[in-house]
PDB file of N, CA and C in Angstrom:
ATOM      1  N   MET A   1      59.025-119.410  48.696  1.00  0.00           N
ATOM      2  CA  MET A   1      59.307-117.980  48.639  1.00  0.00           C
ATOM      3  C   MET A   1      58.191-117.280  47.879  1.00  0.00           C
ATOM      4  N   ALA A   2      57.811-116.141  48.376  1.00  0.00           N
ATOM      5  CA  ALA A   2      56.721-115.390  47.765  1.00  0.00           C
ATOM      6  C   ALA A   2      57.153-114.816  46.423  1.00  0.00           C
ATOM      7  N   ASP A   3      56.189-114.562  45.580  1.00  0.00           N
ATOM      8  CA  ASP A   3      56.466-113.946  44.289  1.00  0.00           C
ATOM      9  C   ASP A   3      57.007-112.539  44.492  1.00  0.00           C
ATOM     10  N   LYS A   4      57.812-112.112  43.557  1.00  0.00           N
ATOM     11  CA  LYS A   4      58.344-110.749  43.603  1.00  0.00           C
ATOM     12  C   LYS A   4      57.264-109.762  43.184  1.00  0.00           C
ATOM     13  N   TYR A   5      57.467-108.510  43.514  1.00  0.00           N
ATOM     14  CA  TYR A   5      56.529-107.461  43.151  1.00  0.00           C
ATOM     15  C   TYR A   5      57.254-106.477  42.247  1.00  0.00           C
ATOM     16  N   ASN A   6      56.877-106.430  40.988  1.00  0.00           N
ATOM     17  CA  ASN A   6      57.523-105.551  40.003  1.00  0.00           C
ATOM     18  C   ASN A   6      59.041-105.705  39.998  1.00  0.00           C
ATOM     19  N   GLY A   7      59.509-106.924  40.208  1.00  0.00           N
ATOM     20  CA  GLY A   7      60.936-107.206  40.202  1.00  0.00           C
ATOM     21  C   GLY A   7      61.624-107.030  41.540  1.00  0.00           C
ATOM     22  N   TRP A   8      60.913-106.566  42.543  1.00  0.00           N
ATOM     23  CA  TRP A   8      61.469-106.350  43.880  1.00  0.00           C
ATOM     24  C   TRP A   8      61.021-107.465  44.818  1.00  0.00           C
ATOM     25  N   THR A   9      61.678-107.590  45.943  1.00  0.00           N
ATOM     26  CA  THR A   9      61.378-108.637  46.918  1.00  0.00           C
ATOM     27  C   THR A   9      59.899-108.690  47.272  1.00  0.00           C
ATOM     28  N   ASN A  10      59.309-107.533  47.500  1.00  0.00           N
ATOM     29  CA  ASN A  10      57.902-107.463  47.910  1.00  0.00           C
ATOM     30  C   ASN A  10      57.370-106.051  47.661  1.00  0.00           C
ATOM     31  N   TYR A  11      56.089-105.887  47.917  1.00  0.00           N
ATOM     32  CA  TYR A  11      55.424-104.602  47.702  1.00  0.00           C
ATOM     33  C   TYR A  11      56.072-103.495  48.530  1.00  0.00           C
ATOM     34  N   GLU A  12      56.382-103.788  49.789  1.00  0.00           N
ATOM     35  CA  GLU A  12      56.936-102.771  50.680  1.00  0.00           C
ATOM     36  C   GLU A  12      58.274-102.239  50.157  1.00  0.00           C
ATOM     37  N   THR A  13      59.131-103.148  49.688  1.00  0.00           N
ATOM     38  CA  THR A  13      60.433-102.751  49.154  1.00  0.00           C
ATOM     39  C   THR A  13      60.250-101.926  47.894  1.00  0.00           C
ATOM     40  N   TRP A  14      59.405-102.392  47.002  1.00  0.00           N
ATOM     41  CA  TRP A  14      59.129-101.664  45.763  1.00  0.00           C
ATOM     42  C   TRP A  14      58.599-100.264  46.064  1.00  0.00           C
ATOM     43  N   LEU A  15      57.673-100.151  47.007  1.00  0.00           N
ATOM     44  CA  LEU A  15      57.051 -98.867  47.316  1.00  0.00           C
ATOM     45  C   LEU A  15      58.047 -97.874  47.899  1.00  0.00           C
ATOM     46  N   VAL A  16      58.889 -98.327  48.823  1.00  0.00           N
ATOM     47  CA  VAL A  16      59.903 -97.436  49.396  1.00  0.00           C
ATOM     48  C   VAL A  16      60.839 -96.936  48.303  1.00  0.00           C
ATOM     49  N   LYS A  17      61.311 -97.826  47.443  1.00  0.00           N
ATOM     50  CA  LYS A  17      62.230 -97.415  46.366  1.00  0.00           C
ATOM     51  C   LYS A  17      61.524 -96.490  45.375  1.00  0.00           C
ATOM     52  N   LEU A  18      60.273 -96.748  45.092  1.00  0.00           N
ATOM     53  CA  LEU A  18      59.513 -95.874  44.204  1.00  0.00           C
ATOM     54  C   LEU A  18      59.482 -94.450  44.759  1.00  0.00           C
ATOM     55  N   TRP A  19      59.157 -94.304  46.033  1.00  0.00           N
ATOM     56  CA  TRP A  19      59.099 -92.984  46.640  1.00  0.00           C
ATOM     57  C   TRP A  19      60.478 -92.359  46.760  1.00  0.00           C
ATOM     58  N   MET A  20      61.495 -93.170  46.978  1.00  0.00           N
ATOM     59  CA  MET A  20      62.860 -92.644  46.992  1.00  0.00           C
ATOM     60  C   MET A  20      63.205 -92.062  45.623  1.00  0.00           C
ATOM     61  N   ASP A  21      62.847 -92.781  44.572  1.00  0.00           N
ATOM     62  CA  ASP A  21      63.117 -92.292  43.217  1.00  0.00           C
ATOM     63  C   ASP A  21      62.357 -91.005  42.933  1.00  0.00           C
ATOM     64  N   GLU A  22      61.166 -90.873  43.490  1.00  0.00           N
ATOM     65  CA  GLU A  22      60.346 -89.675  43.280  1.00  0.00           C
ATOM     66  C   GLU A  22      60.863 -88.477  44.077  1.00  0.00           C
ATOM     67  N   SER A  23      61.723 -88.729  45.066  1.00  0.00           N
ATOM     68  CA  SER A  23      62.186 -87.641  45.936  1.00  0.00           C
ATOM     69  C   SER A  23      63.310 -86.819  45.310  1.00  0.00           C
ATOM     70  N   GLY A  24      63.706 -87.165  44.120  1.00  0.00           N
ATOM     71  CA  GLY A  24      64.741 -86.384  43.437  1.00  0.00           C
ATOM     72  C   GLY A  24      66.135 -86.909  43.701  1.00  0.00           C
ATOM     73  N   ASP A  25      67.073 -85.980  43.801  1.00  0.00           N
ATOM     74  CA  ASP A  25      68.480 -86.337  43.879  1.00  0.00           C
ATOM     75  C   ASP A  25      68.995 -86.562  45.298  1.00  0.00           C
ATOM     76  N   TYR A  26      68.151 -86.533  46.294  1.00  0.00           N
ATOM     77  CA  TYR A  26      68.587 -86.659  47.682  1.00  0.00           C
ATOM     78  C   TYR A  26      69.475 -87.879  47.897  1.00  0.00           C
ATOM     79  N   TRP A  27      69.088 -88.997  47.353  1.00  0.00           N
ATOM     80  CA  TRP A  27      69.807 -90.252  47.593  1.00  0.00           C
ATOM     81  C   TRP A  27      71.087 -90.353  46.781  1.00  0.00           C
ATOM     82  N   ASN A  28      71.296 -89.443  45.836  1.00  0.00           N
ATOM     83  CA  ASN A  28      72.543 -89.431  45.074  1.00  0.00           C
ATOM     84  C   ASN A  28      73.722 -89.008  45.943  1.00  0.00           C
ATOM     85  N   ASP A  29      73.442 -88.426  47.105  1.00  0.00           N
ATOM     86  CA  ASP A  29      74.496 -87.976  48.001  1.00  0.00           C
ATOM     87  C   ASP A  29      75.096 -89.107  48.828  1.00  0.00           C
ATOM     88  N   VAL A  30      74.564 -90.311  48.702  1.00  0.00           N
ATOM     89  CA  VAL A  30      75.119 -91.461  49.405  1.00  0.00           C
ATOM     90  C   VAL A  30      76.508 -91.709  48.838  1.00  0.00           C
ATOM     91  N   THR A  31      77.510 -91.682  49.701  1.00  0.00           N
ATOM     92  CA  THR A  31      78.890 -91.769  49.215  1.00  0.00           C
ATOM     93  C   THR A  31      79.497 -93.157  49.370  1.00  0.00           C
ATOM     94  N   SER A  32      78.957 -93.975  50.215  1.00  0.00           N
ATOM     95  CA  SER A  32      79.534 -95.292  50.460  1.00  0.00           C
ATOM     96  C   SER A  32      79.144 -96.276  49.361  1.00  0.00           C
ATOM     97  N   ASP A  33      80.033 -97.222  49.108  1.00  0.00           N
ATOM     98  CA  ASP A  33      79.719 -98.330  48.210  1.00  0.00           C
ATOM     99  C   ASP A  33      79.486 -99.613  48.990  1.00  0.00           C
ATOM    100  N   ASN A  34      79.442 -99.507  50.316  1.00  0.00           N
ATOM    101  CA  ASN A  34      79.232-100.653  51.191  1.00  0.00           C
ATOM    102  C   ASN A  34      77.731-100.860  51.380  1.00  0.00           C
ATOM    103  N   VAL A  35      77.236-101.996  50.933  1.00  0.00           N
ATOM    104  CA  VAL A  35      75.785-102.260  50.979  1.00  0.00           C
ATOM    105  C   VAL A  35      75.242-102.159  52.395  1.00  0.00           C
ATOM    106  N   ALA A  36      75.947-102.716  53.367  1.00  0.00           N
ATOM    107  CA  ALA A  36      75.458-102.692  54.751  1.00  0.00           C
ATOM    108  C   ALA A  36      75.359-101.261  55.279  1.00  0.00           C
ATOM    109  N   GLU A  37      76.358-100.433  54.975  1.00  0.00           N
ATOM    110  CA  GLU A  37      76.335 -99.043  55.435  1.00  0.00           C
ATOM    111  C   GLU A  37      75.199 -98.265  54.781  1.00  0.00           C
ATOM    112  N   VAL A  38      75.051 -98.424  53.487  1.00  0.00           N
ATOM    113  CA  VAL A  38      73.988 -97.706  52.771  1.00  0.00           C
ATOM    114  C   VAL A  38      72.620 -98.194  53.237  1.00  0.00           C
ATOM    115  N   SER A  39      72.495 -99.493  53.422  1.00  0.00           N
ATOM    116  CA  SER A  39      71.237-100.072  53.897  1.00  0.00           C
ATOM    117  C   SER A  39      70.857 -99.500  55.260  1.00  0.00           C
ATOM    118  N   ASP A  40      71.817 -99.483  56.180  1.00  0.00           N
ATOM    119  CA  ASP A  40      71.556 -98.928  57.523  1.00  0.00           C
ATOM    120  C   ASP A  40      71.176 -97.457  57.442  1.00  0.00           C
ATOM    121  N   PHE A  41      71.874 -96.695  56.601  1.00  0.00           N
ATOM    122  CA  PHE A  41      71.593 -95.274  56.454  1.00  0.00           C
ATOM    123  C   PHE A  41      70.171 -95.041  55.944  1.00  0.00           C
ATOM    124  N   ILE A  42      69.799 -95.756  54.897  1.00  0.00           N
ATOM    125  CA  ILE A  42      68.461 -95.583  54.304  1.00  0.00           C
ATOM    126  C   ILE A  42      67.382 -95.989  55.301  1.00  0.00           C
ATOM    127  N   LYS A  43      67.591 -97.103  55.972  1.00  0.00           N
ATOM    128  CA  LYS A  43      66.612 -97.569  56.970  1.00  0.00           C
ATOM    129  C   LYS A  43      66.459 -96.534  58.087  1.00  0.00           C
ATOM    130  N   GLU A  44      67.576 -96.035  58.598  1.00  0.00           N
ATOM    131  CA  GLU A  44      67.528 -95.031  59.670  1.00  0.00           C
ATOM    132  C   GLU A  44      66.808 -93.770  59.222  1.00  0.00           C
ATOM    133  N   GLN A  45      67.074 -93.329  57.998  1.00  0.00           N
ATOM    134  CA  GLN A  45      66.411 -92.136  57.470  1.00  0.00           C
ATOM    135  C   GLN A  45      64.897 -92.329  57.438  1.00  0.00           C
ATOM    136  N   HIS A  46      64.454 -93.487  57.011  1.00  0.00           N
ATOM    137  CA  HIS A  46      63.016 -93.739  56.940  1.00  0.00           C
ATOM    138  C   HIS A  46      62.400 -93.916  58.325  1.00  0.00           C
ATOM    139  N   GLU A  47      63.122 -94.526  59.237  1.00  0.00           N
ATOM    140  CA  GLU A  47      62.603 -94.674  60.594  1.00  0.00           C
ATOM    141  C   GLU A  47      62.471 -93.324  61.281  1.00  0.00           C
ATOM    142  N   GLU A  48      63.415 -92.411  61.016  1.00  0.00           N
ATOM    143  CA  GLU A  48      63.377 -91.082  61.646  1.00  0.00           C
ATOM    144  C   GLU A  48      62.174 -90.255  61.210  1.00  0.00           C
ATOM    145  N   ILE A  49      61.725 -90.435  59.974  1.00  0.00           N
ATOM    146  CA  ILE A  49      60.607 -89.616  59.489  1.00  0.00           C
ATOM    147  C   ILE A  49      59.253 -90.315  59.632  1.00  0.00           C
ATOM    148  N   ASN A  50      59.248 -91.467  60.264  1.00  0.00           N
ATOM    149  CA  ASN A  50      58.007 -92.195  60.489  1.00  0.00           C
ATOM    150  C   ASN A  50      57.082 -91.344  61.372  1.00  0.00           C
ATOM    151  N   PRO A  51      55.956 -90.878  60.838  1.00  0.00           N
ATOM    152  CA  PRO A  51      55.100 -89.960  61.591  1.00  0.00           C
ATOM    153  C   PRO A  51      54.351 -90.607  62.756  1.00  0.00           C
ATOM    154  N   VAL A  52      54.346 -91.919  62.824  1.00  0.00           N
ATOM    155  CA  VAL A  52      53.621 -92.589  63.914  1.00  0.00           C
ATOM    156  C   VAL A  52      54.553 -93.399  64.801  1.00  0.00           C
ATOM    157  N   GLN A  53      55.843 -93.103  64.754  1.00  0.00           N
ATOM    158  CA  GLN A  53      56.805 -93.898  65.509  1.00  0.00           C
ATOM    159  C   GLN A  53      56.609 -93.796  67.021  1.00  0.00           C
ATOM    160  N   ASP A  54      56.104 -92.689  67.513  1.00  0.00           N
ATOM    161  CA  ASP A  54      55.924 -92.507  68.951  1.00  0.00           C
ATOM    162  C   ASP A  54      54.472 -92.657  69.393  1.00  0.00           C
ATOM    163  N   VAL A  55      53.663 -93.287  68.543  1.00  0.00           N
ATOM    164  CA  VAL A  55      52.248 -93.463  68.826  1.00  0.00           C
ATOM    165  C   VAL A  55      51.980 -94.938  69.070  1.00  0.00           C
ATOM    166  N   ASN A  56      51.183 -95.243  70.073  1.00  0.00           N
ATOM    167  CA  ASN A  56      50.772 -96.622  70.296  1.00  0.00           C
ATOM    168  C   ASN A  56      49.430 -96.857  69.633  1.00  0.00           C
ATOM    169  N   GLY A  57      49.332 -97.929  68.891  1.00  0.00           N
ATOM    170  CA  GLY A  57      48.059 -98.247  68.265  1.00  0.00           C
ATOM    171  C   GLY A  57      48.239 -99.037  66.994  1.00  0.00           C
ATOM    172  N   VAL A  58      47.123 -99.295  66.377  1.00  0.00           N
ATOM    173  CA  VAL A  58      47.106-100.150  65.197  1.00  0.00           C
ATOM    174  C   VAL A  58      47.915 -99.550  64.046  1.00  0.00           C
ATOM    175  N   TYR A  59      47.861 -98.232  63.871  1.00  0.00           N
ATOM    176  CA  TYR A  59      48.554 -97.624  62.736  1.00  0.00           C
ATOM    177  C   TYR A  59      50.070 -97.671  62.901  1.00  0.00           C
ATOM    178  N   SER A  60      50.547 -97.454  64.100  1.00  0.00           N
ATOM    179  CA  SER A  60      51.989 -97.560  64.311  1.00  0.00           C
ATOM    180  C   SER A  60      52.446 -99.005  64.184  1.00  0.00           C
ATOM    181  N   ASP A  61      51.615 -99.948  64.622  1.00  0.00           N
ATOM    182  CA  ASP A  61      51.956-101.365  64.462  1.00  0.00           C
ATOM    183  C   ASP A  61      51.993-101.762  62.995  1.00  0.00           C
ATOM    184  N   LEU A  62      51.038-101.267  62.220  1.00  0.00           N
ATOM    185  CA  LEU A  62      51.028-101.567  60.782  1.00  0.00           C
ATOM    186  C   LEU A  62      52.230-100.939  60.086  1.00  0.00           C
ATOM    187  N   MET A  63      52.577 -99.709  60.453  1.00  0.00           N
ATOM    188  CA  MET A  63      53.741 -99.061  59.861  1.00  0.00           C
ATOM    189  C   MET A  63      55.014 -99.820  60.214  1.00  0.00           C
ATOM    190  N   SER A  64      55.145-100.219  61.456  1.00  0.00           N
ATOM    191  CA  SER A  64      56.323-100.980  61.879  1.00  0.00           C
ATOM    192  C   SER A  64      56.424-102.303  61.137  1.00  0.00           C
ATOM    193  N   ALA A  65      55.298-102.973  60.965  1.00  0.00           N
ATOM    194  CA  ALA A  65      55.290-104.247  60.238  1.00  0.00           C
ATOM    195  C   ALA A  65      55.681-104.042  58.783  1.00  0.00           C
ATOM    196  N   SER A  66      55.170-102.988  58.174  1.00  0.00           N
ATOM    197  CA  SER A  66      55.506-102.704  56.778  1.00  0.00           C
ATOM    198  C   SER A  66      56.981-102.378  56.623  1.00  0.00           C
ATOM    199  N   LEU A  67      57.506-101.538  57.500  1.00  0.00           N
ATOM    200  CA  LEU A  67      58.920-101.168  57.408  1.00  0.00           C
ATOM    201  C   LEU A  67      59.830-102.361  57.683  1.00  0.00           C
ATOM    202  N   SER A  68      59.393-103.264  58.539  1.00  0.00           N
ATOM    203  CA  SER A  68      60.226-104.437  58.817  1.00  0.00           C
ATOM    204  C   SER A  68      60.234-105.415  57.650  1.00  0.00           C
ATOM    205  N   ALA A  69      59.265-105.304  56.747  1.00  0.00           N
ATOM    206  CA  ALA A  69      59.214-106.177  55.571  1.00  0.00           C
ATOM    207  C   ALA A  69      60.088-105.671  54.431  1.00  0.00           C
ATOM    208  N   VAL A  70      60.549-104.418  54.520  1.00  0.00           N
ATOM    209  CA  VAL A  70      61.352-103.828  53.456  1.00  0.00           C
ATOM    210  C   VAL A  70      62.724-104.517  53.399  1.00  0.00           C
ATOM    211  N   ASN A  71      63.165-104.830  52.204  1.00  0.00           N
ATOM    212  CA  ASN A  71      64.495-105.394  51.999  1.00  0.00           C
ATOM    213  C   ASN A  71      65.449-104.213  51.769  1.00  0.00           C
ATOM    214  N   TRP A  72      65.993-103.697  52.861  1.00  0.00           N
ATOM    215  CA  TRP A  72      66.835-102.501  52.813  1.00  0.00           C
ATOM    216  C   TRP A  72      68.112-102.760  52.026  1.00  0.00           C
ATOM    217  N   ASP A  73      68.645-103.982  52.102  1.00  0.00           N
ATOM    218  CA  ASP A  73      69.859-104.314  51.344  1.00  0.00           C
ATOM    219  C   ASP A  73      69.606-104.252  49.841  1.00  0.00           C
ATOM    220  N   GLU A  74      68.448-104.723  49.430  1.00  0.00           N
ATOM    221  CA  GLU A  74      68.121-104.673  48.003  1.00  0.00           C
ATOM    222  C   GLU A  74      68.039-103.222  47.520  1.00  0.00           C
ATOM    223  N   ILE A  75      67.440-102.371  48.327  1.00  0.00           N
ATOM    224  CA  ILE A  75      67.362-100.954  47.974  1.00  0.00           C
ATOM    225  C   ILE A  75      68.758-100.342  47.952  1.00  0.00           C
ATOM    226  N   ALA A  76      69.577-100.683  48.938  1.00  0.00           N
ATOM    227  CA  ALA A  76      70.938-100.148  48.992  1.00  0.00           C
ATOM    228  C   ALA A  76      71.735-100.542  47.751  1.00  0.00           C
ATOM    229  N   ARG A  77      71.632-101.790  47.346  1.00  0.00           N
ATOM    230  CA  ARG A  77      72.327-102.228  46.135  1.00  0.00           C
ATOM    231  C   ARG A  77      71.863-101.419  44.928  1.00  0.00           C
ATOM    232  N   SER A  78      70.577-101.140  44.859  1.00  0.00           N
ATOM    233  CA  SER A  78      70.030-100.369  43.752  1.00  0.00           C
ATOM    234  C   SER A  78      70.529 -98.928  43.782  1.00  0.00           C
ATOM    235  N   VAL A  79      70.591 -98.333  44.962  1.00  0.00           N
ATOM    236  CA  VAL A  79      71.080 -96.954  45.101  1.00  0.00           C
ATOM    237  C   VAL A  79      72.539 -96.882  44.666  1.00  0.00           C
ATOM    238  N   ILE A  80      73.340 -97.855  45.087  1.00  0.00           N
ATOM    239  CA  ILE A  80      74.759 -97.881  44.708  1.00  0.00           C
ATOM    240  C   ILE A  80      74.881 -98.053  43.204  1.00  0.00           C
ATOM    241  N   GLU A  81      74.099 -98.956  42.656  1.00  0.00           N
ATOM    242  CA  GLU A  81      74.125 -99.185  41.214  1.00  0.00           C
ATOM    243  C   GLU A  81      73.692 -97.938  40.444  1.00  0.00           C
ATOM    244  N   ASP A  82      72.629 -97.283  40.925  1.00  0.00           N
ATOM    245  CA  ASP A  82      72.164 -96.049  40.278  1.00  0.00           C
ATOM    246  C   ASP A  82      73.258 -94.989  40.291  1.00  0.00           C
ATOM    247  N   LYS A  83      73.971 -94.888  41.404  1.00  0.00           N
ATOM    248  CA  LYS A  83      75.024 -93.897  41.532  1.00  0.00           C
ATOM    249  C   LYS A  83      76.153 -94.196  40.545  1.00  0.00           C
ATOM    250  N   GLU A  84      76.456 -95.468  40.358  1.00  0.00           N
ATOM    251  CA  GLU A  84      77.557 -95.855  39.459  1.00  0.00           C
ATOM    252  C   GLU A  84      77.203 -95.621  37.995  1.00  0.00           C
ATOM    253  N   THR A  85      75.922 -95.686  37.651  1.00  0.00           N
ATOM    254  CA  THR A  85      75.528 -95.510  36.260  1.00  0.00           C
ATOM    255  C   THR A  85      75.237 -94.056  35.910  1.00  0.00           C
ATOM    256  N   ASN A  86      75.191 -93.196  36.902  1.00  0.00           N
ATOM    257  CA  ASN A  86      74.916 -91.763  36.641  1.00  0.00           C
ATOM    258  C   ASN A  86      76.169 -90.944  36.638  1.00  0.00           C
TER     259      ASN A  86
END
C-alpha cells in the first residue's frame, strides 16, 4: 500500500478535501450521515463542475484519472465528522 499524503489516502484525496475546506460552508449543508450517500453526492458535485468533462484529449484523461484516484468515502467520513463537531 502506498504511503499516505498528509494523513489522507493520497494526494488527490487530500487536494480535493483541501479545496472543499477552502470553499467555505457549502459542504456544511450535507444532511445525511450515510457515508455512501455523502460520498456519491460529493463525487457527483465534483464531476458536474469538471471543466474538461466533455473534451477529448490528454487533459480530460488526466483529470478523469485524478478524480478516479480520490477516496470519496474518506472525504465523506470527514465531512460527516466535521458536521458533528461543529
